[in-house]
Amino acid sequence: MAYPVTKAAQQVVKELHGVVVSAGLMQKTVKVRVGGQKYNRKVQKMFTTPKSYLVHDPNSSLRTGDVVSIMPGTGGEEVPYVMVAGSFSDAGAVAEDDDGDDDVGAGTVATSSPG
């Protein structure tokens, strides 16, 4: 018989932090790369082993370069199987303001150097 405390402890999930590497190609889905390391005993060295996850983005608000926190989803859907738990930085706001022109935009100050 499982006690309520034991049942609650089993439901605790680990949040992962990663960077959005692909956004806007699939509806309400982004690809997030999570870093990791693996030790190779033969050469006695740590190697980076990044892992990519397809993450559900219900509002399609994430852009490439955003740092997000993800956690496992319900598992009822085939793809994606993790959900966005939170966003730490919003690179999308910077990407919307940058239209590729070299003109002075809102919020920037044009300065000229003497000489």
C-alpha atoms as a PDB file:
ATOM      1  CA  MET A   1       0.000   0.000   0.000  1.00  0.00           C
ATOM      2  CA  ALA A   2       1.446   3.336  -1.051  1.00  0.00           C
ATOM      3  CA  TYR A   3       1.185   6.279   1.273  1.00  0.00           C
ATOM      4  CA  PRO A   4       0.236   9.735  -0.082  1.00  0.00           C
ATOM      5  CA  VAL A   5       3.741  11.035   0.622  1.00  0.00           C
ATOM      6  CA  THR A   6       5.306   8.191  -1.348  1.00  0.00           C
ATOM      7  CA  LYS A   7       2.890   8.751  -4.214  1.00  0.00           C
ATOM      8  CA  ALA A   8       3.708  12.478  -4.294  1.00  0.00           C
ATOM      9  CA  ALA A   9       7.442  11.754  -4.262  1.00  0.00           C
ATOM     10  CA  GLN A  10       7.080   9.490  -7.297  1.00  0.00           C
ATOM     11  CA  GLN A  11       5.378  12.276  -9.248  1.00  0.00           C
ATOM     12  CA  VAL A  12       8.261  14.728  -8.819  1.00  0.00           C
ATOM     13  CA  VAL A  13       9.844  15.372 -12.193  1.00  0.00           C
ATOM     14  CA  LYS A  14      13.164  16.893 -13.095  1.00  0.00           C
ATOM     15  CA  GLU A  15      13.175  20.146 -15.039  1.00  0.00           C
ATOM     16  CA  LEU A  16      15.782  20.546 -17.763  1.00  0.00           C
ATOM     17  CA  HIS A  17      17.169  23.829 -19.053  1.00  0.00           C
ATOM     18  CA  GLY A  18      17.984  24.280 -22.712  1.00  0.00           C
ATOM     19  CA  VAL A  19      18.152  26.615 -25.696  1.00  0.00           C
ATOM     20  CA  VAL A  20      15.612  26.764 -28.528  1.00  0.00           C
ATOM     21  CA  VAL A  21      17.468  25.806 -31.714  1.00  0.00           C
ATOM     22  CA  SER A  22      14.547  25.542 -34.147  1.00  0.00           C
ATOM     23  CA  ALA A  23      11.277  27.479 -34.025  1.00  0.00           C
ATOM     24  CA  GLY A  24       8.521  28.275 -36.510  1.00  0.00           C
ATOM     25  CA  LEU A  25       8.964  25.185 -38.680  1.00  0.00           C
ATOM     26  CA  MET A  26       6.312  23.061 -36.933  1.00  0.00           C
ATOM     27  CA  GLN A  27       2.994  24.245 -35.540  1.00  0.00           C
ATOM     28  CA  LYS A  28       3.176  24.852 -31.773  1.00  0.00           C
ATOM     29  CA  THR A  29       6.412  22.852 -31.530  1.00  0.00           C
ATOM     30  CA  VAL A  30      10.030  23.914 -31.038  1.00  0.00           C
ATOM     31  CA  LYS A  31      13.276  21.968 -30.839  1.00  0.00           C
ATOM     32  CA  VAL A  32      15.243  22.504 -27.623  1.00  0.00           C
ATOM     33  CA  ARG A  33      18.849  21.412 -27.135  1.00  0.00           C
ATOM     34  CA  VAL A  34      19.819  20.359 -23.615  1.00  0.00           C
ATOM     35  CA  GLY A  35      23.488  20.061 -22.734  1.00  0.00           C
ATOM     36  CA  GLY A  36      25.074  17.064 -21.113  1.00  0.00           C
ATOM     37  CA  GLN A  37      28.398  15.388 -20.503  1.00  0.00           C
ATOM     38  CA  LYS A  38      29.549  11.793 -20.631  1.00  0.00           C
ATOM     39  CA  TYR A  39      32.769  10.327 -19.252  1.00  0.00           C
ATOM     40  CA  ASN A  40      34.830   8.039 -21.484  1.00  0.00           C
ATOM     41  CA  ARG A  41      36.847   5.648 -19.330  1.00  0.00           C
ATOM     42  CA  LYS A  42      39.188   4.615 -22.139  1.00  0.00           C
ATOM     43  CA  VAL A  43      40.600   8.087 -22.748  1.00  0.00           C
ATOM     44  CA  GLN A  44      39.676   9.344 -19.244  1.00  0.00           C
ATOM     45  CA  LYS A  45      38.013  12.465 -20.539  1.00  0.00           C
ATOM     46  CA  MET A  46      34.609  14.168 -20.405  1.00  0.00           C
ATOM     47  CA  PHE A  47      32.807  14.716 -23.720  1.00  0.00           C
ATOM     48  CA  THR A  48      29.800  16.926 -24.397  1.00  0.00           C
ATOM     49  CA  THR A  49      26.703  15.011 -25.449  1.00  0.00           C
ATOM     50  CA  PRO A  50      23.881  17.447 -26.229  1.00  0.00           C
ATOM     51  CA  LYS A  51      20.388  16.026 -26.598  1.00  0.00           C
ATOM     52  CA  SER A  52      17.515  17.582 -28.535  1.00  0.00           C
ATOM     53  CA  TYR A  53      13.852  17.417 -27.551  1.00  0.00           C
ATOM     54  CA  LEU A  54      10.714  18.387 -29.436  1.00  0.00           C
ATOM     55  CA  VAL A  55       8.812  20.636 -27.041  1.00  0.00           C
ATOM     56  CA  HIS A  56       5.174  21.743 -27.136  1.00  0.00           C
ATOM     57  CA  ASP A  57       4.798  25.538 -27.283  1.00  0.00           C
ATOM     58  CA  PRO A  58       1.048  26.261 -26.976  1.00  0.00           C
ATOM     59  CA  ASN A  59       1.263  29.970 -27.912  1.00  0.00           C
ATOM     60  CA  SER A  60       4.017  29.670 -30.549  1.00  0.00           C
ATOM     61  CA  SER A  61       5.766  32.509 -28.723  1.00  0.00           C
ATOM     62  CA  LEU A  62       9.282  31.052 -28.484  1.00  0.00           C
ATOM     63  CA  ARG A  63      11.993  32.082 -30.938  1.00  0.00           C
ATOM     64  CA  THR A  64      15.404  30.647 -31.767  1.00  0.00           C
ATOM     65  CA  GLY A  65      17.892  31.462 -29.004  1.00  0.00           C
ATOM     66  CA  ASP A  66      15.402  31.599 -26.120  1.00  0.00           C
ATOM     67  CA  VAL A  67      16.511  29.854 -22.933  1.00  0.00           C
ATOM     68  CA  VAL A  68      13.690  27.691 -21.581  1.00  0.00           C
ATOM     69  CA  SER A  69      12.956  25.243 -18.802  1.00  0.00           C
ATOM     70  CA  ILE A  70      11.239  22.029 -19.919  1.00  0.00           C
ATOM     71  CA  MET A  71       9.673  19.079 -18.121  1.00  0.00           C
ATOM     72  CA  PRO A  72       8.095  15.789 -19.237  1.00  0.00           C
ATOM     73  CA  GLY A  73       4.502  16.026 -20.446  1.00  0.00           C
ATOM     74  CA  THR A  74       1.564  13.688 -20.001  1.00  0.00           C
ATOM     75  CA  GLY A  75       2.793  11.111 -22.484  1.00  0.00           C
ATOM     76  CA  GLY A  76      -0.612  10.892 -24.172  1.00  0.00           C
ATOM     77  CA  GLU A  77       0.700  12.402 -27.395  1.00  0.00           C
ATOM     78  CA  GLU A  78       3.266  10.780 -29.649  1.00  0.00           C
ATOM     79  CA  VAL A  79       5.274  13.933 -30.405  1.00  0.00           C
ATOM     80  CA  PRO A  80       6.139  16.172 -28.588  1.00  0.00           C
ATOM     81  CA  TYR A  81       6.430  14.552 -25.180  1.00  0.00           C
ATOM     82  CA  VAL A  82       7.774  17.452 -23.116  1.00  0.00           C
ATOM     83  CA  MET A  83       6.191  20.782 -22.208  1.00  0.00           C
ATOM     84  CA  VAL A  84       7.670  24.253 -21.730  1.00  0.00           C
ATOM     85  CA  ALA A  85       7.763  25.011 -17.999  1.00  0.00           C
ATOM     86  CA  GLY A  86       9.100  28.562 -18.302  1.00  0.00           C
ATOM     87  CA  SER A  87      11.189  30.960 -20.326  1.00  0.00           C
ATOM     88  CA  PHE A  88      14.222  32.723 -18.866  1.00  0.00           C
ATOM     89  CA  SER A  89      15.173  35.042 -21.723  1.00  0.00           C
ATOM     90  CA  ASP A  90      13.129  36.414 -24.569  1.00  0.00           C
ATOM     91  CA  ALA A  91      15.215  36.660 -27.729  1.00  0.00           C
ATOM     92  CA  GLY A  92      11.997  36.889 -29.750  1.00  0.00           C
ATOM     93  CA  ALA A  93      11.455  40.501 -28.680  1.00  0.00           C
ATOM     94  CA  VAL A  94      14.861  41.465 -30.070  1.00  0.00           C
ATOM     95  CA  ALA A  95      14.269  39.513 -33.289  1.00  0.00           C
ATOM     96  CA  GLU A  96      10.948  41.290 -33.936  1.00  0.00           C
ATOM     97  CA  ASP A  97      12.529  44.756 -33.694  1.00  0.00           C
ATOM     98  CA  ASP A  98      15.409  43.911 -36.035  1.00  0.00           C
ATOM     99  CA  ASP A  99      14.153  44.264 -39.611  1.00  0.00           C
ATOM    100  CA  GLY A 100      17.580  44.063 -41.258  1.00  0.00           C
ATOM    101  CA  ASP A 101      17.868  47.786 -41.962  1.00  0.00           C
ATOM    102  CA  ASP A 102      20.812  49.850 -40.827  1.00  0.00           C
ATOM    103  CA  ASP A 103      18.573  52.768 -39.933  1.00  0.00           C
ATOM    104  CA  VAL A 104      18.182  54.098 -36.421  1.00  0.00           C
ATOM    105  CA  GLY A 105      15.264  52.314 -34.779  1.00  0.00           C
ATOM    106  CA  ALA A 106      13.200  53.072 -31.734  1.00  0.00           C
ATOM    107  CA  GLY A 107      15.108  52.913 -28.489  1.00  0.00           C
ATOM    108  CA  THR A 108      18.541  53.498 -30.006  1.00  0.00           C
ATOM    109  CA  VAL A 109      20.535  56.690 -29.876  1.00  0.00           C
ATOM    110  CA  ALA A 110      22.576  57.806 -32.882  1.00  0.00           C
ATOM    111  CA  THR A 111      25.894  59.337 -31.903  1.00  0.00           C
ATOM    112  CA  SER A 112      28.540  60.859 -34.082  1.00  0.00           C
ATOM    113  CA  SER A 113      32.170  60.858 -33.142  1.00  0.00           C
ATOM    114  CA  PRO A 114      34.033  64.147 -33.476  1.00  0.00           C
ATOM    115  CA  GLY A 115      36.811  64.268 -35.977  1.00  0.00           C
END
